[in-house]
C-alpha atoms as a PDB file:
ATOM      1  CA  UNK A   1      13.314  12.342   4.817  1.00  0.00           C
ATOM      2  CA  UNK A   2      13.778   8.663   4.195  1.00  0.00           C
ATOM      3  CA  UNK A   3      11.192   6.125   5.265  1.00  0.00           C
ATOM      4  CA  UNK A   4      11.837   2.396   5.394  1.00  0.00           C
ATOM      5  CA  UNK A   5       9.363   0.422   3.272  1.00  0.00           C
ATOM      6  CA  UNK A   6       8.671  -3.227   4.071  1.00  0.00           C
ATOM      7  CA  UNK A   7       6.144  -5.672   2.673  1.00  0.00           C
ATOM      8  CA  UNK A   8       4.261  -7.749   5.239  1.00  0.00           C
ATOM      9  CA  UNK A   9       4.306 -11.425   4.279  1.00  0.00           C
ATOM     10  CA  UNK A  10       3.775 -12.193   0.576  1.00  0.00           C
ATOM     11  CA  UNK A  11       0.647 -10.189  -0.248  1.00  0.00           C
ATOM     12  CA  UNK A  12       2.241  -7.108  -1.779  1.00  0.00           C
ATOM     13  CA  UNK A  13       4.813  -9.118  -3.757  1.00  0.00           C
ATOM     14  CA  UNK A  14       2.095 -11.398  -5.144  1.00  0.00           C
ATOM     15  CA  UNK A  15       0.291  -8.285  -6.391  1.00  0.00           C
ATOM     16  CA  UNK A  16       3.488  -6.645  -7.686  1.00  0.00           C
ATOM     17  CA  UNK A  17       4.557  -9.780  -9.562  1.00  0.00           C
ATOM     18  CA  UNK A  18       1.169  -9.874 -11.322  1.00  0.00           C
ATOM     19  CA  UNK A  19       1.758  -6.432 -12.901  1.00  0.00           C
ATOM     20  CA  UNK A  20       3.315  -5.850 -16.308  1.00  0.00           C
ATOM     21  CA  UNK A  21       6.789  -4.288 -16.293  1.00  0.00           C
ATOM     22  CA  UNK A  22       5.600  -0.733 -17.013  1.00  0.00           C
ATOM     23  CA  UNK A  23       3.030  -0.869 -14.201  1.00  0.00           C
ATOM     24  CA  UNK A  24       5.761  -2.208 -11.914  1.00  0.00           C
ATOM     25  CA  UNK A  25       7.951   0.786 -12.848  1.00  0.00           C
ATOM     26  CA  UNK A  26       5.148   3.217 -12.026  1.00  0.00           C
ATOM     27  CA  UNK A  27       4.514   1.412  -8.732  1.00  0.00           C
ATOM     28  CA  UNK A  28       8.201   1.669  -7.812  1.00  0.00           C
ATOM     29  CA  UNK A  29       8.138   5.376  -8.702  1.00  0.00           C
ATOM     30  CA  UNK A  30       5.201   6.069  -6.368  1.00  0.00           C
ATOM     31  CA  UNK A  31       6.832   3.960  -3.624  1.00  0.00           C
ATOM     32  CA  UNK A  32      10.000   6.050  -4.054  1.00  0.00           C
ATOM     33  CA  UNK A  33       7.915   9.191  -3.522  1.00  0.00           C
ATOM     34  CA  UNK A  34       6.417   7.659  -0.374  1.00  0.00           C
ATOM     35  CA  UNK A  35       9.907   6.779   0.820  1.00  0.00           C
ATOM     36  CA  UNK A  36      11.470  10.195   0.251  1.00  0.00           C
ATOM     37  CA  UNK A  37       8.767  12.880   0.401  1.00  0.00           C
ATOM     38  CA  UNK A  38       7.404  14.351   3.604  1.00  0.00           C
ATOM     39  CA  UNK A  39       3.943  14.842   2.119  1.00  0.00           C
ATOM     40  CA  UNK A  40       2.313  13.355  -0.959  1.00  0.00           C
ATOM     41  CA  UNK A  41      -0.592  14.823  -2.943  1.00  0.00           C
ATOM     42  CA  UNK A  42      -4.015  13.276  -2.404  1.00  0.00           C
ATOM     43  CA  UNK A  43      -3.811  11.751  -5.881  1.00  0.00           C
ATOM     44  CA  UNK A  44      -1.156   9.368  -4.491  1.00  0.00           C
ATOM     45  CA  UNK A  45      -2.293   8.692  -0.933  1.00  0.00           C
ATOM     46  CA  UNK A  46      -5.584   8.541   0.957  1.00  0.00           C
ATOM     47  CA  UNK A  47      -6.467   7.540   4.511  1.00  0.00           C
ATOM     48  CA  UNK A  48      -9.058   4.775   4.585  1.00  0.00           C
ATOM     49  CA  UNK A  49      -9.717   4.208   8.314  1.00  0.00           C
ATOM     50  CA  UNK A  50      -8.102   3.184  11.598  1.00  0.00           C
ATOM     51  CA  UNK A  51      -4.601   4.183  10.461  1.00  0.00           C
ATOM     52  CA  UNK A  52      -4.923   2.284   7.187  1.00  0.00           C
ATOM     53  CA  UNK A  53      -3.901   4.149   4.032  1.00  0.00           C
ATOM     54  CA  UNK A  54      -4.080   3.397   0.354  1.00  0.00           C
ATOM     55  CA  UNK A  55      -1.375   4.218  -2.135  1.00  0.00           C
ATOM     56  CA  UNK A  56      -2.990   5.262  -5.405  1.00  0.00           C
ATOM     57  CA  UNK A  57      -1.379   4.438  -8.722  1.00  0.00           C
ATOM     58  CA  UNK A  58      -2.724   5.049 -12.214  1.00  0.00           C
ATOM     59  CA  UNK A  59      -1.009   3.805 -15.327  1.00  0.00           C
ATOM     60  CA  UNK A  60      -2.092   2.884 -18.837  1.00  0.00           C
ATOM     61  CA  UNK A  61      -5.789   3.285 -18.093  1.00  0.00           C
ATOM     62  CA  UNK A  62      -5.535   1.011 -15.055  1.00  0.00           C
ATOM     63  CA  UNK A  63      -5.975   1.998 -11.424  1.00  0.00           C
ATOM     64  CA  UNK A  64      -4.068   0.164  -8.700  1.00  0.00           C
ATOM     65  CA  UNK A  65      -4.329   0.429  -4.939  1.00  0.00           C
ATOM     66  CA  UNK A  66      -1.910  -0.762  -2.264  1.00  0.00           C
ATOM     67  CA  UNK A  67      -2.875  -0.695   1.409  1.00  0.00           C
ATOM     68  CA  UNK A  68      -0.279   0.254   3.996  1.00  0.00           C
ATOM     69  CA  UNK A  69       0.311   1.667   7.467  1.00  0.00           C
ATOM     70  CA  UNK A  70       2.883   3.934   9.019  1.00  0.00           C
ATOM     71  CA  UNK A  71       4.576   2.118  11.902  1.00  0.00           C
ATOM     72  CA  UNK A  72       6.662   4.108  14.367  1.00  0.00           C
ATOM     73  CA  UNK A  73       6.703   7.139  12.067  1.00  0.00           C
ATOM     74  CA  UNK A  74       9.444   6.290   9.607  1.00  0.00           C
ATOM     75  CA  UNK A  75       8.426   2.741   8.654  1.00  0.00           C
ATOM     76  CA  UNK A  76       5.857   1.906   6.003  1.00  0.00           C
ATOM     77  CA  UNK A  77       4.368  -1.584   6.037  1.00  0.00           C
ATOM     78  CA  UNK A  78       2.755  -2.673   2.746  1.00  0.00           C
ATOM     79  CA  UNK A  79      -0.166  -5.074   2.777  1.00  0.00           C
ATOM     80  CA  UNK A  80      -2.365  -6.203  -0.106  1.00  0.00           C
ATOM     81  CA  UNK A  81      -2.726  -4.545  -3.487  1.00  0.00           C
ATOM     82  CA  UNK A  82      -5.311  -4.883  -6.222  1.00  0.00           C
ATOM     83  CA  UNK A  83      -6.454  -3.550  -9.574  1.00  0.00           C
ATOM     84  CA  UNK A  84      -9.405  -1.263  -9.036  1.00  0.00           C
ATOM     85  CA  UNK A  85     -12.348  -1.870 -11.363  1.00  0.00           C
ATOM     86  CA  UNK A  86     -15.038   0.382  -9.867  1.00  0.00           C
ATOM     87  CA  UNK A  87     -15.319   3.827  -8.307  1.00  0.00           C
ATOM     88  CA  UNK A  88     -15.484   2.494  -4.743  1.00  0.00           C
ATOM     89  CA  UNK A  89     -12.703   0.589  -3.070  1.00  0.00           C
ATOM     90  CA  UNK A  90     -14.134  -2.917  -2.511  1.00  0.00           C
ATOM     91  CA  UNK A  91     -15.080  -3.557   1.118  1.00  0.00           C
ATOM     92  CA  UNK A  92     -13.551  -7.047   1.015  1.00  0.00           C
ATOM     93  CA  UNK A  93     -10.148  -5.552   0.085  1.00  0.00           C
ATOM     94  CA  UNK A  94     -10.411  -3.092   2.998  1.00  0.00           C
ATOM     95  CA  UNK A  95     -11.398  -5.896   5.383  1.00  0.00           C
ATOM     96  CA  UNK A  96      -8.451  -7.977   4.189  1.00  0.00           C
ATOM     97  CA  UNK A  97      -6.048  -5.067   4.767  1.00  0.00           C
ATOM     98  CA  UNK A  98      -7.463  -4.366   8.233  1.00  0.00           C
ATOM     99  CA  UNK A  99      -7.087  -8.057   9.099  1.00  0.00           C
ATOM    100  CA  UNK A 100      -3.456  -7.985   7.923  1.00  0.00           C
ATOM    101  CA  UNK A 101      -2.862  -4.838   9.974  1.00  0.00           C
ATOM    102  CA  UNK A 102      -4.265  -6.539  13.088  1.00  0.00           C
ATOM    103  CA  UNK A 103      -2.169  -9.645  12.406  1.00  0.00           C
ATOM    104  CA  UNK A 104       0.952  -7.519  11.874  1.00  0.00           C
ATOM    105  CA  UNK A 105       0.571  -5.716  15.207  1.00  0.00           C
ATOM    106  CA  UNK A 106      -0.304  -8.996  16.932  1.00  0.00           C
ATOM    107  CA  UNK A 107       2.869 -10.624  15.650  1.00  0.00           C
ATOM    108  CA  UNK A 108       4.908  -7.535  16.456  1.00  0.00           C
ATOM    109  CA  UNK A 109       3.759  -7.490  20.092  1.00  0.00           C
ATOM    110  CA  UNK A 110       4.911 -11.103  20.506  1.00  0.00           C
ATOM    111  CA  UNK A 111       8.499 -10.238  19.573  1.00  0.00           C
END
């Protein structure tokens, strides 16, 4: 299995660029798993709602989350990412990801 991973606009790259090099390496490792593995353990991936998923990354005592969707089965579209500081995923981050998802599909339907 080989999925195609694409970042929508600049949101994921802004997050990725803010990470230290070791956290970036761990993020790339988990993205490689998402790209190549049919199923990932729940410690790496969780469905949030309405087809929105979060990629879960832990490194060096930090917890990172990246929102994404599966589009047409083999494509993964990355949205926003953030450093998690509490047990619950912040509602404003979920709302932002859902808005990006809506915008993505809106733009896609215009093509």
